[in-house]
PDB file of all heavy atoms in Angstrom:
ATOM      1  N   SER A   1      -6.354  -4.766  16.470  1.00  0.00           N
ATOM      2  CA  SER A   1      -6.352  -3.608  15.575  1.00  0.00           C
ATOM      3  C   SER A   1      -7.429  -3.663  14.498  1.00  0.00           C
ATOM      4  O   SER A   1      -7.699  -2.654  13.840  1.00  0.00           O
ATOM      5  CB  SER A   1      -4.988  -3.477  14.890  1.00  0.00           C
ATOM      6  OG  SER A   1      -4.808  -4.532  13.936  1.00  0.00           O
ATOM      7  N   GLY A   2      -8.004  -4.850  14.272  1.00  0.00           N
ATOM      8  CA  GLY A   2      -9.020  -5.000  13.233  1.00  0.00           C
ATOM      9  C   GLY A   2      -8.461  -5.017  11.827  1.00  0.00           C
ATOM     10  O   GLY A   2      -9.203  -4.826  10.860  1.00  0.00           O
ATOM     11  N   ASN A   3      -7.136  -5.277  11.705  1.00  0.00           N
ATOM     12  CA  ASN A   3      -6.541  -5.236  10.376  1.00  0.00           C
ATOM     13  C   ASN A   3      -5.287  -6.110  10.304  1.00  0.00           C
ATOM     14  O   ASN A   3      -4.829  -6.640  11.326  1.00  0.00           O
ATOM     15  CB  ASN A   3      -6.169  -3.790  10.002  1.00  0.00           C
ATOM     16  CG  ASN A   3      -6.453  -3.484   8.540  1.00  0.00           C
ATOM     17  OD1 ASN A   3      -6.254  -4.328   7.676  1.00  0.00           O
ATOM     18  ND2 ASN A   3      -6.933  -2.278   8.268  1.00  0.00           N
ATOM     19  N   LEU A   4      -4.764  -6.265   9.097  1.00  0.00           N
ATOM     20  CA  LEU A   4      -3.471  -6.904   8.857  1.00  0.00           C
ATOM     21  C   LEU A   4      -2.484  -5.811   8.480  1.00  0.00           C
ATOM     22  O   LEU A   4      -2.862  -4.815   7.861  1.00  0.00           O
ATOM     23  CB  LEU A   4      -3.567  -7.926   7.719  1.00  0.00           C
ATOM     24  CG  LEU A   4      -4.619  -9.018   7.833  1.00  0.00           C
ATOM     25  CD1 LEU A   4      -4.459 -10.011   6.685  1.00  0.00           C
ATOM     26  CD2 LEU A   4      -4.546  -9.736   9.165  1.00  0.00           C
ATOM     27  N   TRP A   5      -1.206  -6.033   8.818  1.00  0.00           N
ATOM     28  CA  TRP A   5      -0.217  -4.978   8.651  1.00  0.00           C
ATOM     29  C   TRP A   5       1.034  -5.496   7.962  1.00  0.00           C
ATOM     30  O   TRP A   5       1.250  -6.698   7.833  1.00  0.00           O
ATOM     31  CB  TRP A   5       0.123  -4.358  10.011  1.00  0.00           C
ATOM     32  CG  TRP A   5      -1.090  -3.767  10.656  1.00  0.00           C
ATOM     33  CD1 TRP A   5      -1.979  -4.419  11.473  1.00  0.00           C
ATOM     34  CD2 TRP A   5      -1.605  -2.455  10.480  1.00  0.00           C
ATOM     35  NE1 TRP A   5      -3.004  -3.576  11.827  1.00  0.00           N
ATOM     36  CE2 TRP A   5      -2.802  -2.361  11.243  1.00  0.00           C
ATOM     37  CE3 TRP A   5      -1.171  -1.327   9.777  1.00  0.00           C
ATOM     38  CZ2 TRP A   5      -3.558  -1.186  11.305  1.00  0.00           C
ATOM     39  CZ3 TRP A   5      -1.923  -0.162   9.850  1.00  0.00           C
ATOM     40  CH2 TRP A   5      -3.098  -0.103  10.604  1.00  0.00           C
ATOM     41  N   GLU A   6       1.869  -4.561   7.581  1.00  0.00           N
ATOM     42  CA  GLU A   6       3.064  -4.874   6.801  1.00  0.00           C
ATOM     43  C   GLU A   6       4.063  -5.740   7.573  1.00  0.00           C
ATOM     44  O   GLU A   6       4.691  -6.634   7.019  1.00  0.00           O
ATOM     45  CB  GLU A   6       3.730  -3.552   6.391  1.00  0.00           C
ATOM     46  CG  GLU A   6       4.938  -3.716   5.508  1.00  0.00           C
ATOM     47  CD  GLU A   6       5.554  -2.371   5.170  1.00  0.00           C
ATOM     48  OE1 GLU A   6       5.833  -1.589   6.099  1.00  0.00           O
ATOM     49  OE2 GLU A   6       5.764  -2.107   3.983  1.00  0.00           O
ATOM     50  N   LYS A   7       4.228  -5.464   8.845  1.00  0.00           N
ATOM     51  CA  LYS A   7       5.201  -6.171   9.673  1.00  0.00           C
ATOM     52  C   LYS A   7       4.734  -6.108  11.114  1.00  0.00           C
ATOM     53  O   LYS A   7       3.769  -5.407  11.438  1.00  0.00           O
ATOM     54  CB  LYS A   7       6.584  -5.524   9.535  1.00  0.00           C
ATOM     55  CG  LYS A   7       6.629  -4.034   9.889  1.00  0.00           C
ATOM     56  CD  LYS A   7       7.988  -3.434   9.585  1.00  0.00           C
ATOM     57  CE  LYS A   7       8.049  -1.946   9.925  1.00  0.00           C
ATOM     58  NZ  LYS A   7       7.288  -1.120   8.981  1.00  0.00           N
ATOM     59  N   TYR A   8       5.430  -6.850  11.991  1.00  0.00           N
ATOM     60  CA  TYR A   8       5.073  -6.826  13.410  1.00  0.00           C
ATOM     61  C   TYR A   8       6.301  -7.169  14.231  1.00  0.00           C
ATOM     62  O   TYR A   8       7.375  -7.480  13.696  1.00  0.00           O
ATOM     63  CB  TYR A   8       3.913  -7.792  13.689  1.00  0.00           C
ATOM     64  CG  TYR A   8       4.259  -9.261  13.562  1.00  0.00           C
ATOM     65  CD1 TYR A   8       4.699  -9.988  14.668  1.00  0.00           C
ATOM     66  CD2 TYR A   8       4.145  -9.926  12.345  1.00  0.00           C
ATOM     67  CE1 TYR A   8       5.018 -11.332  14.564  1.00  0.00           C
ATOM     68  CE2 TYR A   8       4.465 -11.271  12.229  1.00  0.00           C
ATOM     69  CZ  TYR A   8       4.907 -11.968  13.338  1.00  0.00           C
ATOM     70  OH  TYR A   8       5.235 -13.295  13.222  1.00  0.00           O
ATOM     71  N   ASN A   9       6.149  -7.131  15.536  1.00  0.00           N
ATOM     72  CA  ASN A   9       7.246  -7.375  16.463  1.00  0.00           C
ATOM     73  C   ASN A   9       7.319  -8.869  16.787  1.00  0.00           C
ATOM     74  O   ASN A   9       6.381  -9.427  17.357  1.00  0.00           O
ATOM     75  CB  ASN A   9       7.028  -6.543  17.735  1.00  0.00           C
ATOM     76  CG  ASN A   9       8.177  -6.610  18.704  1.00  0.00           C
ATOM     77  OD1 ASN A   9       8.574  -7.684  19.137  1.00  0.00           O
ATOM     78  ND2 ASN A   9       8.702  -5.449  19.085  1.00  0.00           N
ATOM     79  N   ALA A  10       8.437  -9.518  16.425  1.00  0.00           N
ATOM     80  CA  ALA A  10       8.577 -10.962  16.608  1.00  0.00           C
ATOM     81  C   ALA A  10       8.784 -11.350  18.068  1.00  0.00           C
ATOM     82  O   ALA A  10       8.578 -12.505  18.437  1.00  0.00           O
ATOM     83  CB  ALA A  10       9.755 -11.484  15.783  1.00  0.00           C
ATOM     84  N   GLU A  11       9.172 -10.401  18.888  1.00  0.00           N
ATOM     85  CA  GLU A  11       9.413 -10.700  20.299  1.00  0.00           C
ATOM     86  C   GLU A  11       8.116 -10.656  21.099  1.00  0.00           C
ATOM     87  O   GLU A  11       7.865 -11.536  21.929  1.00  0.00           O
ATOM     88  CB  GLU A  11      10.420  -9.708  20.873  1.00  0.00           C
ATOM     89  CG  GLU A  11      10.878 -10.056  22.278  1.00  0.00           C
ATOM     90  CD  GLU A  11      11.998  -9.162  22.773  1.00  0.00           C
ATOM     91  OE1 GLU A  11      12.126  -8.019  22.267  1.00  0.00           O
ATOM     92  OE2 GLU A  11      12.748  -9.599  23.657  1.00  0.00           O
ATOM     93  N   PHE A  12       7.264  -9.672  20.802  1.00  0.00           N
ATOM     94  CA  PHE A  12       6.063  -9.475  21.612  1.00  0.00           C
ATOM     95  C   PHE A  12       4.754  -9.663  20.841  1.00  0.00           C
ATOM     96  O   PHE A  12       3.681  -9.608  21.430  1.00  0.00           O
ATOM     97  CB  PHE A  12       6.085  -8.079  22.241  1.00  0.00           C
ATOM     98  CG  PHE A  12       7.269  -7.845  23.132  1.00  0.00           C
ATOM     99  CD1 PHE A  12       8.244  -6.920  22.795  1.00  0.00           C
ATOM    100  CD2 PHE A  12       7.428  -8.576  24.301  1.00  0.00           C
ATOM    101  CE1 PHE A  12       9.347  -6.711  23.610  1.00  0.00           C
ATOM    102  CE2 PHE A  12       8.528  -8.386  25.132  1.00  0.00           C
ATOM    103  CZ  PHE A  12       9.489  -7.453  24.780  1.00  0.00           C
ATOM    104  N   GLY A  13       4.816  -9.857  19.546  1.00  0.00           N
ATOM    105  CA  GLY A  13       3.601 -10.102  18.772  1.00  0.00           C
ATOM    106  C   GLY A  13       2.679  -8.908  18.708  1.00  0.00           C
ATOM    107  O   GLY A  13       1.455  -9.054  18.694  1.00  0.00           O
ATOM    108  N   ASN A  14       3.261  -7.698  18.647  1.00  0.00           N
ATOM    109  CA  ASN A  14       2.453  -6.486  18.541  1.00  0.00           C
ATOM    110  C   ASN A  14       3.008  -5.610  17.418  1.00  0.00           C
ATOM    111  O   ASN A  14       3.877  -6.029  16.640  1.00  0.00           O
ATOM    112  CB  ASN A  14       2.417  -5.743  19.874  1.00  0.00           C
ATOM    113  CG  ASN A  14       3.808  -5.387  20.387  1.00  0.00           C
ATOM    114  OD1 ASN A  14       4.750  -5.194  19.612  1.00  0.00           O
ATOM    115  ND2 ASN A  14       3.962  -5.306  21.706  1.00  0.00           N
ATOM    116  N   LEU A  15       2.531  -4.380  17.324  1.00  0.00           N
ATOM    117  CA  LEU A  15       2.933  -3.480  16.242  1.00  0.00           C
ATOM    118  C   LEU A  15       4.012  -2.491  16.662  1.00  0.00           C
ATOM    119  O   LEU A  15       4.221  -1.471  16.004  1.00  0.00           O
ATOM    120  CB  LEU A  15       1.703  -2.727  15.710  1.00  0.00           C
ATOM    121  CG  LEU A  15       0.635  -3.613  15.052  1.00  0.00           C
ATOM    122  CD1 LEU A  15      -0.581  -2.780  14.668  1.00  0.00           C
ATOM    123  CD2 LEU A  15       1.193  -4.338  13.828  1.00  0.00           C
ATOM    124  N   GLU A  16       4.729  -2.798  17.731  1.00  0.00           N
ATOM    125  CA  GLU A  16       5.813  -1.922  18.186  1.00  0.00           C
ATOM    126  C   GLU A  16       7.067  -2.220  17.377  1.00  0.00           C
ATOM    127  O   GLU A  16       7.932  -3.009  17.768  1.00  0.00           O
ATOM    128  CB  GLU A  16       6.055  -2.131  19.679  1.00  0.00           C
ATOM    129  CG  GLU A  16       4.889  -1.690  20.545  1.00  0.00           C
ATOM    130  CD  GLU A  16       5.117  -1.946  22.025  1.00  0.00           C
ATOM    131  OE1 GLU A  16       6.255  -2.314  22.398  1.00  0.00           O
ATOM    132  OE2 GLU A  16       4.174  -1.793  22.806  1.00  0.00           O
ATOM    133  N   VAL A  17       7.145  -1.585  16.206  1.00  0.00           N
ATOM    134  CA  VAL A  17       8.251  -1.809  15.275  1.00  0.00           C
ATOM    135  C   VAL A  17       8.757  -0.479  14.754  1.00  0.00           C
ATOM    136  O   VAL A  17       8.097   0.556  14.874  1.00  0.00           O
ATOM    137  CB  VAL A  17       7.798  -2.681  14.080  1.00  0.00           C
ATOM    138  CG1 VAL A  17       7.564  -4.116  14.521  1.00  0.00           C
ATOM    139  CG2 VAL A  17       6.543  -2.113  13.420  1.00  0.00           C
ATOM    140  N   LYS A  18       9.937  -0.522  14.142  1.00  0.00           N
ATOM    141  CA  LYS A  18      10.518   0.662  13.515  1.00  0.00           C
ATOM    142  C   LYS A  18       9.737   0.971  12.241  1.00  0.00           C
ATOM    143  O   LYS A  18       9.585   0.120  11.364  1.00  0.00           O
ATOM    144  CB  LYS A  18      11.982   0.393  13.179  1.00  0.00           C
ATOM    145  CG  LYS A  18      12.613   1.327  12.153  1.00  0.00           C
ATOM    146  CD  LYS A  18      12.841   2.723  12.675  1.00  0.00           C
ATOM    147  CE  LYS A  18      13.673   3.535  11.688  1.00  0.00           C
ATOM    148  NZ  LYS A  18      13.872   4.910  12.101  1.00  0.00           N
ATOM    149  N   ASN A  19       9.226   2.184  12.122  1.00  0.00           N
ATOM    150  CA  ASN A  19       8.516   2.621  10.924  1.00  0.00           C
ATOM    151  C   ASN A  19       9.284   3.754  10.260  1.00  0.00           C
ATOM    152  O   ASN A  19       9.380   4.850  10.811  1.00  0.00           O
ATOM    153  CB  ASN A  19       7.099   3.087  11.268  1.00  0.00           C
ATOM    154  CG  ASN A  19       6.192   1.938  11.641  1.00  0.00           C
ATOM    155  OD1 ASN A  19       6.214   0.896  11.003  1.00  0.00           O
ATOM    156  ND2 ASN A  19       5.403   2.117  12.680  1.00  0.00           N
ATOM    157  N   GLU A  20       9.838   3.479   9.080  1.00  0.00           N
ATOM    158  CA  GLU A  20      10.538   4.518   8.334  1.00  0.00           C
ATOM    159  C   GLU A  20       9.565   5.320   7.478  1.00  0.00           C
ATOM    160  O   GLU A  20       9.937   6.294   6.835  1.00  0.00           O
ATOM    161  CB  GLU A  20      11.629   3.879   7.471  1.00  0.00           C
ATOM    162  CG  GLU A  20      12.726   3.240   8.312  1.00  0.00           C
ATOM    163  CD  GLU A  20      13.684   2.382   7.508  1.00  0.00           C
ATOM    164  OE1 GLU A  20      13.678   2.498   6.271  1.00  0.00           O
ATOM    165  OE2 GLU A  20      14.424   1.581   8.106  1.00  0.00           O
ATOM    166  N   TYR A  21       8.320   4.869   7.452  1.00  0.00           N
ATOM    167  CA  TYR A  21       7.210   5.555   6.786  1.00  0.00           C
ATOM    168  C   TYR A  21       5.948   5.053   7.467  1.00  0.00           C
ATOM    169  O   TYR A  21       5.994   4.097   8.241  1.00  0.00           O
ATOM    170  CB  TYR A  21       7.175   5.232   5.280  1.00  0.00           C
ATOM    171  CG  TYR A  21       7.350   3.767   4.974  1.00  0.00           C
ATOM    172  CD1 TYR A  21       6.294   2.860   5.110  1.00  0.00           C
ATOM    173  CD2 TYR A  21       8.583   3.270   4.579  1.00  0.00           C
ATOM    174  CE1 TYR A  21       6.451   1.513   4.866  1.00  0.00           C
ATOM    175  CE2 TYR A  21       8.758   1.915   4.329  1.00  0.00           C
ATOM    176  CZ  TYR A  21       7.693   1.050   4.462  1.00  0.00           C
ATOM    177  OH  TYR A  21       7.858  -0.297   4.220  1.00  0.00           O
ATOM    178  N   GLU A  22       4.815   5.678   7.192  1.00  0.00           N
ATOM    179  CA  GLU A  22       3.578   5.236   7.832  1.00  0.00           C
ATOM    180  C   GLU A  22       3.240   3.821   7.380  1.00  0.00           C
ATOM    181  O   GLU A  22       3.126   3.547   6.182  1.00  0.00           O
ATOM    182  CB  GLU A  22       2.433   6.179   7.480  1.00  0.00           C
ATOM    183  CG  GLU A  22       1.141   5.836   8.208  1.00  0.00           C
ATOM    184  CD  GLU A  22       0.030   6.826   7.895  1.00  0.00           C
ATOM    185  OE1 GLU A  22       0.299   7.841   7.215  1.00  0.00           O
ATOM    186  OE2 GLU A  22      -1.114   6.585   8.336  1.00  0.00           O
ATOM    187  N   MET A  23       3.105   2.902   8.335  1.00  0.00           N
ATOM    188  CA  MET A  23       2.874   1.499   7.978  1.00  0.00           C
ATOM    189  C   MET A  23       1.475   1.318   7.397  1.00  0.00           C
ATOM    190  O   MET A  23       0.482   1.641   8.044  1.00  0.00           O
ATOM    191  CB  MET A  23       3.059   0.600   9.206  1.00  0.00           C
ATOM    192  CG  MET A  23       2.962  -0.882   8.861  1.00  0.00           C
ATOM    193  SD  MET A  23       3.649  -1.978  10.131  1.00  0.00           S
ATOM    194  CE  MET A  23       2.646  -1.577  11.553  1.00  0.00           C
ATOM    195  N   PRO A  24       1.373   0.798   6.173  1.00  0.00           N
ATOM    196  CA  PRO A  24       0.061   0.658   5.537  1.00  0.00           C
ATOM    197  C   PRO A  24      -0.715  -0.551   6.050  1.00  0.00           C
ATOM    198  O   PRO A  24      -0.127  -1.556   6.439  1.00  0.00           O
ATOM    199  CB  PRO A  24       0.406   0.488   4.057  1.00  0.00           C
ATOM    200  CG  PRO A  24       1.772  -0.118   4.075  1.00  0.00           C
ATOM    201  CD  PRO A  24       2.474   0.425   5.282  1.00  0.00           C
ATOM    202  N   PRO A  25      -2.057  -0.452   6.043  1.00  0.00           N
ATOM    203  CA  PRO A  25      -2.893  -1.570   6.506  1.00  0.00           C
ATOM    204  C   PRO A  25      -3.198  -2.569   5.408  1.00  0.00           C
ATOM    205  O   PRO A  25      -3.091  -2.263   4.227  1.00  0.00           O
ATOM    206  CB  PRO A  25      -4.175  -0.862   6.947  1.00  0.00           C
ATOM    207  CG  PRO A  25      -4.277   0.291   5.994  1.00  0.00           C
ATOM    208  CD  PRO A  25      -2.853   0.738   5.726  1.00  0.00           C
ATOM    209  N   PHE A  26      -3.643  -3.749   5.837  1.00  0.00           N
ATOM    210  CA  PHE A  26      -3.972  -4.869   4.972  1.00  0.00           C
ATOM    211  C   PHE A  26      -2.938  -5.081   3.875  1.00  0.00           C
ATOM    212  O   PHE A  26      -3.128  -4.721   2.716  1.00  0.00           O
ATOM    213  CB  PHE A  26      -5.353  -4.754   4.331  1.00  0.00           C
ATOM    214  CG  PHE A  26      -5.688  -6.038   3.599  1.00  0.00           C
ATOM    215  CD1 PHE A  26      -6.019  -7.176   4.310  1.00  0.00           C
ATOM    216  CD2 PHE A  26      -5.604  -6.121   2.226  1.00  0.00           C
ATOM    217  CE1 PHE A  26      -6.275  -8.372   3.666  1.00  0.00           C
ATOM    218  CE2 PHE A  26      -5.858  -7.315   1.554  1.00  0.00           C
ATOM    219  CZ  PHE A  26      -6.194  -8.435   2.278  1.00  0.00           C
ATOM    220  N   MET A  27      -1.852  -5.678   4.236  1.00  0.00           N
ATOM    221  CA  MET A  27      -0.815  -6.004   3.271  1.00  0.00           C
ATOM    222  C   MET A  27      -1.128  -7.341   2.618  1.00  0.00           C
ATOM    223  O   MET A  27      -1.338  -8.345   3.303  1.00  0.00           O
ATOM    224  CB  MET A  27       0.545  -6.067   3.953  1.00  0.00           C
ATOM    225  CG  MET A  27       0.996  -4.729   4.504  1.00  0.00           C
ATOM    226  SD  MET A  27       1.185  -3.446   3.248  1.00  0.00           S
ATOM    227  CE  MET A  27       2.566  -4.089   2.305  1.00  0.00           C
ATOM    228  N   GLY A  28      -1.119  -7.359   1.291  1.00  0.00           N
ATOM    229  CA  GLY A  28      -1.416  -8.583   0.549  1.00  0.00           C
ATOM    230  C   GLY A  28      -0.482  -9.721   0.892  1.00  0.00           C
ATOM    231  O   GLY A  28      -0.896 -10.873   0.975  1.00  0.00           O
ATOM    232  N   TRP A  29       0.801  -9.387   1.140  1.00  0.00           N
ATOM    233  CA  TRP A  29       1.710 -10.498   1.414  1.00  0.00           C
ATOM    234  C   TRP A  29       1.519 -11.043   2.829  1.00  0.00           C
ATOM    235  O   TRP A  29       1.743 -12.234   3.067  1.00  0.00           O
ATOM    236  CB  TRP A  29       3.146 -10.150   1.096  1.00  0.00           C
ATOM    237  CG  TRP A  29       3.901  -9.168   1.938  1.00  0.00           C
ATOM    238  CD1 TRP A  29       3.465  -8.390   2.959  1.00  0.00           C
ATOM    239  CD2 TRP A  29       5.298  -8.895   1.764  1.00  0.00           C
ATOM    240  NE1 TRP A  29       4.498  -7.629   3.439  1.00  0.00           N
ATOM    241  CE2 TRP A  29       5.635  -7.913   2.738  1.00  0.00           C
ATOM    242  CE3 TRP A  29       6.296  -9.369   0.920  1.00  0.00           C
ATOM    243  CZ2 TRP A  29       6.929  -7.408   2.856  1.00  0.00           C
ATOM    244  CZ3 TRP A  29       7.576  -8.866   1.049  1.00  0.00           C
ATOM    245  CH2 TRP A  29       7.885  -7.899   1.995  1.00  0.00           C
ATOM    246  N   THR A  30       1.069 -10.227   3.751  1.00  0.00           N
ATOM    247  CA  THR A  30       0.728 -10.740   5.075  1.00  0.00           C
ATOM    248  C   THR A  30      -0.458 -11.690   4.978  1.00  0.00           C
ATOM    249  O   THR A  30      -0.478 -12.748   5.616  1.00  0.00           O
ATOM    250  CB  THR A  30       0.399  -9.584   6.032  1.00  0.00           C
ATOM    251  OG1 THR A  30       1.528  -8.695   6.101  1.00  0.00           O
ATOM    252  CG2 THR A  30       0.076 -10.080   7.423  1.00  0.00           C
ATOM    253  N   ALA A  31      -1.444 -11.333   4.159  1.00  0.00           N
ATOM    254  CA  ALA A  31      -2.587 -12.215   3.925  1.00  0.00           C
ATOM    255  C   ALA A  31      -2.134 -13.522   3.292  1.00  0.00           C
ATOM    256  O   ALA A  31      -2.550 -14.610   3.705  1.00  0.00           O
ATOM    257  CB  ALA A  31      -3.610 -11.523   3.028  1.00  0.00           C
ATOM    258  N   GLY A  32      -1.272 -13.438   2.279  1.00  0.00           N
ATOM    259  CA  GLY A  32      -0.778 -14.644   1.610  1.00  0.00           C
ATOM    260  C   GLY A  32      -0.035 -15.556   2.562  1.00  0.00           C
ATOM    261  O   GLY A  32      -0.218 -16.777   2.551  1.00  0.00           O
TER     262      GLY A  32
END
């Protein structure tokens, strides 16, 4: 995807997750 994201799928390691709002890119806590 060229980016870091808020959350991801622990089973498949992709971005197929429940989004209750548009998932924002480059999350600081994912970087941390």
